[in-house]
Every structure is written in C-alpha cells, then in structure tokens.
Amino acid sequence: MYIYSVTVSIDKDVAKEWHGWMKRKHIPEVMETGYFTEYKMCKVLNVEDEGETYSTQYTFKEMQDIENYQKHEAPRLQADMKRLYEGKYIAFRTLLEIV
C-alpha cells in the first residue's frame, strides 16, 4: 500500500473558502477517479508561516494507480485549483510506501 500526500500552504485570507472547496468538490472528484481507496485531510500544526498548511493523504494499492492518476487525471484537477487560487498557495506532492 502507498500514500500520495499533497501538502498545501494556503493564504489565510482564502483558507476557509479553500478548505470548503477541498471537502465539497476537489477531494470527492479525486476519489471518484477510482485510483484511491481512502483519504485523510490533516492540518499541519508545527509550521510557522503566513498561511495555513494542510496535508491530504490518498491511499492507493499499486504504483500503476498513481502513474495512471498522474497521467490521466491530475493535470485537470490541479488546473482547477490553480484557476481558483493561483498566487494564494504553494503545494508539494510526496509518494510514500506503507511499511
């Protein structure tokens, strides 16, 4: 099993709106792709910056799942976030193996 972790630092002035959008729209759309089995969204507490930081972790079974997601779905879903919140966030993505 693996985890696709997406960490986002979002400006405080849009953090509440962004969090609602993530829960109502973005995360359900990611899960509807069928590549992930579950997710967790966590607020990062030990970060000192101007925004709020969240880690959304999507669990998947095979490396082929994340490869297909990144090739076929991620560009469209990431473009939605960029269109809505460009200049208001920084994101980085990490692949983890559960051991």
Protein backbone atom coordinates (compact mmCIF):
# COMPACT_ATOMS: atom_id res chain seq x y z
CA MET A 1 0.00 0.00 0.00
CA TYR A 2 1.08 3.53 -0.76
CA ILE A 3 0.15 7.11 0.08
CA TYR A 4 0.05 10.09 -2.26
CA SER A 5 0.49 13.06 0.05
CA VAL A 6 -0.35 16.57 -1.14
CA THR A 7 0.76 19.34 1.20
CA VAL A 8 -0.64 22.81 0.61
CA SER A 9 0.16 26.08 2.35
CA ILE A 10 -2.74 28.43 1.60
CA ASP A 11 -3.02 32.13 2.37
CA LYS A 12 -5.08 32.81 5.50
CA ASP A 13 -7.44 35.17 3.66
CA VAL A 14 -8.76 32.30 1.50
CA ALA A 15 -8.02 29.30 3.75
CA LYS A 16 -11.60 28.80 4.96
CA GLU A 17 -13.03 29.04 1.43
CA TRP A 18 -10.31 26.71 0.07
CA HIS A 19 -10.91 24.16 2.83
CA GLY A 20 -14.63 24.06 1.99
CA TRP A 21 -13.85 23.70 -1.72
CA MET A 22 -11.47 20.83 -0.97
CA LYS A 23 -14.06 18.95 1.11
CA ARG A 24 -17.07 19.62 -1.15
CA LYS A 25 -15.52 19.43 -4.60
CA HIS A 26 -11.85 18.60 -5.04
CA ILE A 27 -11.42 15.57 -2.75
CA PRO A 28 -14.67 13.93 -3.95
CA GLU A 29 -13.51 14.40 -7.57
CA VAL A 30 -10.12 12.85 -6.77
CA MET A 31 -11.81 9.89 -5.07
CA GLU A 32 -14.24 9.47 -7.98
CA THR A 33 -11.29 8.71 -10.28
CA GLY A 34 -11.19 5.25 -8.69
CA TYR A 35 -7.43 5.20 -8.17
CA PHE A 36 -7.55 5.71 -4.39
CA THR A 37 -9.10 3.64 -1.61
CA GLU A 38 -9.34 6.29 1.11
CA TYR A 39 -8.11 9.71 2.15
CA LYS A 40 -7.33 11.78 5.23
CA MET A 41 -7.06 15.55 5.38
CA CYS A 42 -4.89 16.89 8.21
CA LYS A 43 -3.98 20.38 9.36
CA VAL A 44 -0.23 20.74 9.90
CA LEU A 45 0.34 22.26 13.32
CA ASN A 46 4.09 22.78 13.55
CA VAL A 47 4.54 25.21 10.66
CA GLU A 48 5.26 28.87 11.19
CA ASP A 49 4.30 30.84 8.08
CA GLU A 50 1.82 33.38 6.82
CA GLY A 51 -0.78 30.81 5.76
CA GLU A 52 -2.39 27.61 6.92
CA THR A 53 -0.89 24.27 5.93
CA TYR A 54 -2.77 21.05 5.21
CA SER A 55 -1.71 17.56 4.19
CA THR A 56 -4.21 15.48 2.23
CA GLN A 57 -3.19 11.84 2.03
CA TYR A 58 -4.70 9.49 -0.54
CA THR A 59 -4.11 5.74 -0.13
CA PHE A 60 -3.62 3.54 -3.20
CA LYS A 61 -2.73 -0.12 -3.81
CA GLU A 62 -0.37 -0.30 -6.78
CA MET A 63 2.20 2.08 -8.28
CA GLN A 64 0.31 1.77 -11.57
CA ASP A 65 -2.62 3.53 -9.84
CA ILE A 66 -0.64 6.70 -9.12
CA GLU A 67 1.02 6.60 -12.53
CA ASN A 68 -2.40 6.46 -14.23
CA TYR A 69 -3.80 9.16 -11.93
CA GLN A 70 -0.89 11.50 -12.62
CA LYS A 71 -1.11 10.91 -16.37
CA HIS A 72 -4.89 10.96 -16.88
CA GLU A 73 -6.48 12.92 -14.02
CA ALA A 74 -4.04 15.09 -12.07
CA PRO A 75 -3.46 17.77 -14.74
CA ARG A 76 -7.18 18.57 -14.95
CA LEU A 77 -7.73 18.54 -11.18
CA GLN A 78 -4.62 20.60 -10.45
CA ALA A 79 -5.65 23.13 -13.11
CA ASP A 80 -8.95 23.70 -11.26
CA MET A 81 -7.08 24.62 -8.08
CA LYS A 82 -4.65 26.84 -9.96
CA ARG A 83 -7.51 28.64 -11.69
CA LEU A 84 -9.30 29.34 -8.40
CA TYR A 85 -6.37 30.04 -6.08
CA GLU A 86 -3.38 31.00 -8.23
CA GLY A 87 -0.86 33.02 -6.27
CA LYS A 88 -2.52 32.08 -2.97
CA TYR A 89 -0.87 28.72 -2.29
CA ILE A 90 2.22 26.57 -2.53
CA ALA A 91 1.86 22.81 -2.98
CA PHE A 92 4.19 19.86 -2.98
CA ARG A 93 3.50 16.20 -3.51
CA THR A 94 5.15 13.14 -1.95
CA LEU A 95 4.81 9.42 -2.60
CA LEU A 96 5.09 7.22 0.48
CA GLU A 97 5.19 3.45 0.92
CA ILE A 98 3.46 1.97 3.97
CA VAL A 99 5.94 -0.43 5.58
